[in-house]
PDB file of N, CA and C in Angstrom:
ATOM      1  N   MET A   1       0.815  -1.192   0.000  1.00  0.00           N
ATOM      2  CA  MET A   1       0.000   0.000   0.000  1.00  0.00           C
ATOM      3  C   MET A   1       0.860   1.258   0.000  1.00  0.00           C
ATOM      4  N   LYS A   2       2.040   1.184   0.638  1.00  0.00           N
ATOM      5  CA  LYS A   2       2.923   2.344   0.688  1.00  0.00           C
ATOM      6  C   LYS A   2       3.379   2.737  -0.713  1.00  0.00           C
ATOM      7  N   ILE A   3       3.658   1.755  -1.552  1.00  0.00           N
ATOM      8  CA  ILE A   3       4.068   2.034  -2.925  1.00  0.00           C
ATOM      9  C   ILE A   3       2.953   2.777  -3.651  1.00  0.00           C
ATOM     10  N   CYS A   4       1.741   2.326  -3.484  1.00  0.00           N
ATOM     11  CA  CYS A   4       0.599   2.985  -4.139  1.00  0.00           C
ATOM     12  C   CYS A   4       0.491   4.441  -3.705  1.00  0.00           C
ATOM     13  N   LYS A   5       0.673   4.698  -2.421  1.00  0.00           N
ATOM     14  CA  LYS A   5       0.594   6.072  -1.926  1.00  0.00           C
ATOM     15  C   LYS A   5       1.706   6.931  -2.519  1.00  0.00           C
ATOM     16  N   GLU A   6       2.914   6.392  -2.565  1.00  0.00           N
ATOM     17  CA  GLU A   6       4.025   7.157  -3.115  1.00  0.00           C
ATOM     18  C   GLU A   6       3.804   7.454  -4.591  1.00  0.00           C
ATOM     19  N   LEU A   7       3.321   6.475  -5.336  1.00  0.00           N
ATOM     20  CA  LEU A   7       3.021   6.698  -6.754  1.00  0.00           C
ATOM     21  C   LEU A   7       1.920   7.743  -6.919  1.00  0.00           C
ATOM     22  N   LEU A   8       0.924   7.664  -6.079  1.00  0.00           N
ATOM     23  CA  LEU A   8      -0.177   8.620  -6.148  1.00  0.00           C
ATOM     24  C   LEU A   8       0.304  10.036  -5.844  1.00  0.00           C
ATOM     25  N   TYR A   9       1.099  10.218  -4.802  1.00  0.00           N
ATOM     26  CA  TYR A   9       1.599  11.543  -4.447  1.00  0.00           C
ATOM     27  C   TYR A   9       2.420  12.146  -5.580  1.00  0.00           C
ATOM     28  N   GLN A  10       3.255  11.326  -6.182  1.00  0.00           N
ATOM     29  CA  GLN A  10       4.090  11.800  -7.280  1.00  0.00           C
ATOM     30  C   GLN A  10       3.225  12.264  -8.457  1.00  0.00           C
ATOM     31  N   GLU A  11       2.275  11.471  -8.829  1.00  0.00           N
ATOM     32  CA  GLU A  11       1.426  11.817  -9.970  1.00  0.00           C
ATOM     33  C   GLU A  11       0.507  12.995  -9.643  1.00  0.00           C
ATOM     34  N   LEU A  12       0.028  13.078  -8.423  1.00  0.00           N
ATOM     35  CA  LEU A  12      -0.800  14.221  -8.024  1.00  0.00           C
ATOM     36  C   LEU A  12      -0.042  15.536  -8.173  1.00  0.00           C
ATOM     37  N   GLY A  13       1.212  15.534  -7.792  1.00  0.00           N
ATOM     38  CA  GLY A  13       2.028  16.735  -7.944  1.00  0.00           C
ATOM     39  C   GLY A  13       2.143  17.152  -9.396  1.00  0.00           C
ATOM     40  N   ARG A  14       2.395  16.195 -10.267  1.00  0.00           N
ATOM     41  CA  ARG A  14       2.492  16.493 -11.702  1.00  0.00           C
ATOM     42  C   ARG A  14       1.167  17.041 -12.237  1.00  0.00           C
ATOM     43  N   LEU A  15       0.079  16.392 -11.858  1.00  0.00           N
ATOM     44  CA  LEU A  15      -1.232  16.827 -12.338  1.00  0.00           C
ATOM     45  C   LEU A  15      -1.600  18.218 -11.834  1.00  0.00           C
ATOM     46  N   LEU A  16      -1.263  18.517 -10.599  1.00  0.00           N
ATOM     47  CA  LEU A  16      -1.552  19.845 -10.061  1.00  0.00           C
ATOM     48  C   LEU A  16      -0.841  20.930 -10.857  1.00  0.00           C
ATOM     49  N   VAL A  17       0.402  20.687 -11.185  1.00  0.00           N
ATOM     50  CA  VAL A  17       1.162  21.681 -11.934  1.00  0.00           C
ATOM     51  C   VAL A  17       0.613  21.843 -13.342  1.00  0.00           C
ATOM     52  N   ARG A  18       0.336  20.743 -14.011  1.00  0.00           N
ATOM     53  CA  ARG A  18      -0.117  20.787 -15.408  1.00  0.00           C
ATOM     54  C   ARG A  18      -1.561  21.250 -15.565  1.00  0.00           C
ATOM     55  N   ASN A  19      -2.414  20.824 -14.692  1.00  0.00           N
ATOM     56  CA  ASN A  19      -3.854  21.033 -14.884  1.00  0.00           C
ATOM     57  C   ASN A  19      -4.517  21.647 -13.662  1.00  0.00           C
ATOM     58  N   PHE A  20      -3.945  22.700 -13.153  1.00  0.00           N
ATOM     59  CA  PHE A  20      -4.446  23.269 -11.906  1.00  0.00           C
ATOM     60  C   PHE A  20      -5.930  23.600 -11.981  1.00  0.00           C
ATOM     61  N   ASN A  21      -6.385  24.124 -13.100  1.00  0.00           N
ATOM     62  CA  ASN A  21      -7.788  24.532 -13.223  1.00  0.00           C
ATOM     63  C   ASN A  21      -8.718  23.403 -13.652  1.00  0.00           C
ATOM     64  N   GLU A  22      -8.178  22.295 -14.094  1.00  0.00           N
ATOM     65  CA  GLU A  22      -9.017  21.207 -14.625  1.00  0.00           C
ATOM     66  C   GLU A  22      -8.675  19.875 -13.959  1.00  0.00           C
ATOM     67  N   LEU A  23      -8.815  19.781 -12.680  1.00  0.00           N
ATOM     68  CA  LEU A  23      -8.409  18.585 -11.952  1.00  0.00           C
ATOM     69  C   LEU A  23      -9.466  17.490 -12.013  1.00  0.00           C
ATOM     70  N   GLN A  24      -9.569  16.851 -13.161  1.00  0.00           N
ATOM     71  CA  GLN A  24     -10.484  15.731 -13.328  1.00  0.00           C
ATOM     72  C   GLN A  24      -9.675  14.517 -13.782  1.00  0.00           C
ATOM     73  N   PHE A  25      -9.456  13.586 -12.892  1.00  0.00           N
ATOM     74  CA  PHE A  25      -8.734  12.372 -13.239  1.00  0.00           C
ATOM     75  C   PHE A  25      -9.136  11.248 -12.293  1.00  0.00           C
ATOM     76  N   ASP A  26      -8.900  10.060 -12.735  1.00  0.00           N
ATOM     77  CA  ASP A  26      -9.212   8.865 -11.958  1.00  0.00           C
ATOM     78  C   ASP A  26      -7.922   8.386 -11.297  1.00  0.00           C
ATOM     79  N   TYR A  27      -7.748   8.689  -9.997  1.00  0.00           N
ATOM     80  CA  TYR A  27      -6.498   8.355  -9.325  1.00  0.00           C
ATOM     81  C   TYR A  27      -6.220   6.856  -9.320  1.00  0.00           C
ATOM     82  N   GLN A  28      -7.257   6.038  -9.265  1.00  0.00           N
ATOM     83  CA  GLN A  28      -7.036   4.593  -9.296  1.00  0.00           C
ATOM     84  C   GLN A  28      -6.446   4.169 -10.635  1.00  0.00           C
ATOM     85  N   GLN A  29      -6.888   4.792 -11.708  1.00  0.00           N
ATOM     86  CA  GLN A  29      -6.342   4.489 -13.026  1.00  0.00           C
ATOM     87  C   GLN A  29      -4.876   4.910 -13.113  1.00  0.00           C
ATOM     88  N   VAL A  30      -4.547   6.042 -12.499  1.00  0.00           N
ATOM     89  CA  VAL A  30      -3.161   6.508 -12.482  1.00  0.00           C
ATOM     90  C   VAL A  30      -2.272   5.479 -11.792  1.00  0.00           C
ATOM     91  N   ILE A  31      -2.710   5.025 -10.628  1.00  0.00           N
ATOM     92  CA  ILE A  31      -1.931   4.040  -9.880  1.00  0.00           C
ATOM     93  C   ILE A  31      -1.797   2.750 -10.675  1.00  0.00           C
ATOM     94  N   MET A  32      -2.887   2.285 -11.236  1.00  0.00           N
ATOM     95  CA  MET A  32      -2.856   1.035 -11.996  1.00  0.00           C
ATOM     96  C   MET A  32      -1.946   1.156 -13.213  1.00  0.00           C
ATOM     97  N   THR A  33      -2.028   2.265 -13.922  1.00  0.00           N
ATOM     98  CA  THR A  33      -1.206   2.449 -15.112  1.00  0.00           C
ATOM     99  C   THR A  33       0.271   2.430 -14.755  1.00  0.00           C
ATOM    100  N   LYS A  34       0.666   3.217 -13.765  1.00  0.00           N
ATOM    101  CA  LYS A  34       2.075   3.261 -13.368  1.00  0.00           C
ATOM    102  C   LYS A  34       2.522   1.922 -12.798  1.00  0.00           C
ATOM    103  N   SER A  35       1.663   1.270 -12.042  1.00  0.00           N
ATOM    104  CA  SER A  35       2.005  -0.028 -11.460  1.00  0.00           C
ATOM    105  C   SER A  35       2.204  -1.080 -12.541  1.00  0.00           C
ATOM    106  N   VAL A  36       1.299  -1.116 -13.492  1.00  0.00           N
ATOM    107  CA  VAL A  36       1.398  -2.102 -14.570  1.00  0.00           C
ATOM    108  C   VAL A  36       2.639  -1.839 -15.415  1.00  0.00           C
ATOM    109  N   GLN A  37       2.937  -0.580 -15.685  1.00  0.00           N
ATOM    110  CA  GLN A  37       4.141  -0.260 -16.444  1.00  0.00           C
ATOM    111  C   GLN A  37       5.387  -0.744 -15.708  1.00  0.00           C
ATOM    112  N   ALA A  38       5.454  -0.486 -14.412  1.00  0.00           N
ATOM    113  CA  ALA A  38       6.602  -0.921 -13.619  1.00  0.00           C
ATOM    114  C   ALA A  38       6.684  -2.445 -13.582  1.00  0.00           C
ATOM    115  N   LEU A  39       5.554  -3.108 -13.400  1.00  0.00           N
ATOM    116  CA  LEU A  39       5.557  -4.574 -13.372  1.00  0.00           C
ATOM    117  C   LEU A  39       5.987  -5.162 -14.708  1.00  0.00           C
ATOM    118  N   ASN A  40       5.580  -4.556 -15.806  1.00  0.00           N
ATOM    119  CA  ASN A  40       6.016  -5.033 -17.119  1.00  0.00           C
ATOM    120  C   ASN A  40       7.522  -4.910 -17.273  1.00  0.00           C
ATOM    121  N   ARG A  41       8.079  -3.784 -16.821  1.00  0.00           N
ATOM    122  CA  ARG A  41       9.530  -3.603 -16.903  1.00  0.00           C
ATOM    123  C   ARG A  41      10.254  -4.612 -16.014  1.00  0.00           C
ATOM    124  N   ILE A  42       9.723  -4.860 -14.827  1.00  0.00           N
ATOM    125  CA  ILE A  42      10.335  -5.838 -13.919  1.00  0.00           C
ATOM    126  C   ILE A  42      10.270  -7.235 -14.528  1.00  0.00           C
ATOM    127  N   GLN A  43       9.151  -7.584 -15.123  1.00  0.00           N
ATOM    128  CA  GLN A  43       9.011  -8.895 -15.755  1.00  0.00           C
ATOM    129  C   GLN A  43      10.044  -9.073 -16.867  1.00  0.00           C
ATOM    130  N   GLU A  44      10.247  -8.042 -17.677  1.00  0.00           N
ATOM    131  CA  GLU A  44      11.241  -8.117 -18.744  1.00  0.00           C
ATOM    132  C   GLU A  44      12.631  -8.370 -18.178  1.00  0.00           C
ATOM    133  N   ILE A  45      12.949  -7.694 -17.088  1.00  0.00           N
ATOM    134  CA  ILE A  45      14.255  -7.881 -16.453  1.00  0.00           C
ATOM    135  C   ILE A  45      14.397  -9.304 -15.940  1.00  0.00           C
ATOM    136  N   LEU A  46      13.378  -9.805 -15.257  1.00  0.00           N
ATOM    137  CA  LEU A  46      13.451 -11.153 -14.690  1.00  0.00           C
ATOM    138  C   LEU A  46      13.560 -12.228 -15.766  1.00  0.00           C
ATOM    139  N   GLN A  47      13.020 -11.959 -16.935  1.00  0.00           N
ATOM    140  CA  GLN A  47      13.069 -12.936 -18.024  1.00  0.00           C
ATOM    141  C   GLN A  47      14.340 -12.827 -18.861  1.00  0.00           C
ATOM    142  N   ASP A  48      15.155 -11.820 -18.610  1.00  0.00           N
ATOM    143  CA  ASP A  48      16.383 -11.604 -19.373  1.00  0.00           C
ATOM    144  C   ASP A  48      17.478 -12.533 -18.856  1.00  0.00           C
ATOM    145  N   ASP A  49      17.731 -13.598 -19.585  1.00  0.00           N
ATOM    146  CA  ASP A  49      18.721 -14.589 -19.164  1.00  0.00           C
ATOM    147  C   ASP A  49      20.158 -14.118 -19.358  1.00  0.00           C
ATOM    148  N   THR A  50      20.358 -12.968 -19.984  1.00  0.00           N
ATOM    149  CA  THR A  50      21.716 -12.453 -20.163  1.00  0.00           C
ATOM    150  C   THR A  50      22.218 -11.731 -18.916  1.00  0.00           C
ATOM    151  N   LEU A  51      21.330 -11.448 -17.972  1.00  0.00           N
ATOM    152  CA  LEU A  51      21.710 -10.743 -16.745  1.00  0.00           C
ATOM    153  C   LEU A  51      21.819 -11.719 -15.586  1.00  0.00           C
ATOM    154  N   ASP A  52      22.847 -11.518 -14.748  1.00  0.00           N
ATOM    155  CA  ASP A  52      22.889 -12.338 -13.536  1.00  0.00           C
ATOM    156  C   ASP A  52      22.006 -11.672 -12.475  1.00  0.00           C
ATOM    157  N   ASP A  53      21.784 -12.374 -11.382  1.00  0.00           N
ATOM    158  CA  ASP A  53      20.835 -11.908 -10.368  1.00  0.00           C
ATOM    159  C   ASP A  53      21.193 -10.535  -9.807  1.00  0.00           C
ATOM    160  N   PHE A  54      22.486 -10.284  -9.596  1.00  0.00           N
ATOM    161  CA  PHE A  54      22.906  -8.996  -9.047  1.00  0.00           C
ATOM    162  C   PHE A  54      22.435  -7.847  -9.932  1.00  0.00           C
ATOM    163  N   TYR A  55      22.638  -7.959 -11.243  1.00  0.00           N
ATOM    164  CA  TYR A  55      22.234  -6.889 -12.157  1.00  0.00           C
ATOM    165  C   TYR A  55      20.719  -6.793 -12.291  1.00  0.00           C
ATOM    166  N   LYS A  56      20.041  -7.921 -12.168  1.00  0.00           N
ATOM    167  CA  LYS A  56      18.580  -7.874 -12.184  1.00  0.00           C
ATOM    168  C   LYS A  56      18.065  -7.057 -11.002  1.00  0.00           C
ATOM    169  N   ILE A  57      18.631  -7.313  -9.838  1.00  0.00           N
ATOM    170  CA  ILE A  57      18.222  -6.574  -8.641  1.00  0.00           C
ATOM    171  C   ILE A  57      18.513  -5.089  -8.802  1.00  0.00           C
ATOM    172  N   GLU A  58      19.695  -4.760  -9.320  1.00  0.00           N
ATOM    173  CA  GLU A  58      20.053  -3.358  -9.538  1.00  0.00           C
ATOM    174  C   GLU A  58      19.064  -2.668 -10.473  1.00  0.00           C
ATOM    175  N   LYS A  59      18.708  -3.327 -11.561  1.00  0.00           N
ATOM    176  CA  LYS A  59      17.772  -2.740 -12.524  1.00  0.00           C
ATOM    177  C   LYS A  59      16.380  -2.572 -11.910  1.00  0.00           C
ATOM    178  N   ILE A  60      15.960  -3.551 -11.132  1.00  0.00           N
ATOM    179  CA  ILE A  60      14.651  -3.465 -10.478  1.00  0.00           C
ATOM    180  C   ILE A  60      14.635  -2.320  -9.461  1.00  0.00           C
ATOM    181  N   GLU A  61      15.727  -2.161  -8.715  1.00  0.00           N
ATOM    182  CA  GLU A  61      15.815  -1.035  -7.779  1.00  0.00           C
ATOM    183  C   GLU A  61      15.687   0.290  -8.517  1.00  0.00           C
ATOM    184  N   ARG A  62      16.297   0.407  -9.683  1.00  0.00           N
ATOM    185  CA  ARG A  62      16.207   1.639 -10.470  1.00  0.00           C
ATOM    186  C   ARG A  62      14.776   1.910 -10.923  1.00  0.00           C
ATOM    187  N   ILE A  63      14.032   0.861 -11.218  1.00  0.00           N
ATOM    188  CA  ILE A  63      12.627   1.046 -11.604  1.00  0.00           C
ATOM    189  C   ILE A  63      11.846   1.659 -10.447  1.00  0.00           C
ATOM    190  N   PHE A  64      12.031   1.107  -9.249  1.00  0.00           N
ATOM    191  CA  PHE A  64      11.345   1.667  -8.082  1.00  0.00           C
ATOM    192  C   PHE A  64      11.730   3.128  -7.885  1.00  0.00           C
ATOM    193  N   GLU A  65      13.018   3.425  -7.985  1.00  0.00           N
ATOM    194  CA  GLU A  65      13.480   4.796  -7.800  1.00  0.00           C
ATOM    195  C   GLU A  65      12.914   5.724  -8.870  1.00  0.00           C
ATOM    196  N   SER A  66      12.827   5.248 -10.115  1.00  0.00           N
ATOM    197  CA  SER A  66      12.287   6.090 -11.190  1.00  0.00           C
ATOM    198  C   SER A  66      10.801   6.382 -10.982  1.00  0.00           C
ATOM    199  N   CYS A  67      10.141   5.532 -10.223  1.00  0.00           N
ATOM    200  CA  CYS A  67       8.726   5.752  -9.893  1.00  0.00           C
ATOM    201  C   CYS A  67       8.569   6.626  -8.654  1.00  0.00           C
ATOM    202  N   GLY A  68       9.698   6.995  -8.045  1.00  0.00           N
ATOM    203  CA  GLY A  68       9.636   7.828  -6.852  1.00  0.00           C
ATOM    204  C   GLY A  68       9.379   7.053  -5.582  1.00  0.00           C
ATOM    205  N   VAL A  69       9.593   5.748  -5.630  1.00  0.00           N
ATOM    206  CA  VAL A  69       9.351   4.895  -4.470  1.00  0.00           C
ATOM    207  C   VAL A  69      10.647   4.763  -3.678  1.00  0.00           C
ATOM    208  N   SER A  70      10.585   5.098  -2.405  1.00  0.00           N
ATOM    209  CA  SER A  70      11.749   5.040  -1.534  1.00  0.00           C
ATOM    210  C   SER A  70      12.148   3.595  -1.264  1.00  0.00           C
ATOM    211  N   LEU A  71      13.456   3.353  -1.279  1.00  0.00           N
ATOM    212  CA  LEU A  71      13.963   2.013  -0.966  1.00  0.00           C
ATOM    213  C   LEU A  71      14.802   2.074   0.305  1.00  0.00           C
ATOM    214  N   LYS A  72      14.206   2.526   1.382  1.00  0.00           N
ATOM    215  CA  LYS A  72      14.909   2.564   2.662  1.00  0.00           C
ATOM    216  C   LYS A  72      15.268   1.146   3.065  1.00  0.00           C
ATOM    217  N   ASN A  73      16.338   1.027   3.843  1.00  0.00           N
ATOM    218  CA  ASN A  73      16.813  -0.277   4.323  1.00  0.00           C
ATOM    219  C   ASN A  73      17.244  -1.186   3.183  1.00  0.00           C
ATOM    220  N   ARG A  74      17.675  -0.600   2.084  1.00  0.00           N
ATOM    221  CA  ARG A  74      18.093  -1.436   0.952  1.00  0.00           C
ATOM    222  C   ARG A  74      19.416  -2.098   1.274  1.00  0.00           C
ATOM    223  N   ARG A  75      19.615  -3.229   0.725  1.00  0.00           N
ATOM    224  CA  ARG A  75      20.834  -3.991   0.972  1.00  0.00           C
ATOM    225  C   ARG A  75      22.013  -3.319   0.281  1.00  0.00           C
ATOM    226  N   GLU A  76      23.198  -3.546   0.783  1.00  0.00           N
ATOM    227  CA  GLU A  76      24.416  -2.997   0.159  1.00  0.00           C
ATOM    228  C   GLU A  76      25.303  -4.115  -0.291  1.00  0.00           C
TER     229      GLU A  76
END
């Protein structure tokens, strides 16, 4: 649920700036769209047999970061 909130906050900020006078959007659709896009990218990474596990994890972490999702307590 925390990921959904972070994605929502990020997109709300963008929408406020772009469409301050016309704030009509379906926030659930925004979350679903961004979530599905991220999941598709993660699936592609996991299916890429040319990458070892370390690089898969690194790429997946970058996807979360690009979505504005905090990765506190991440492994080093």
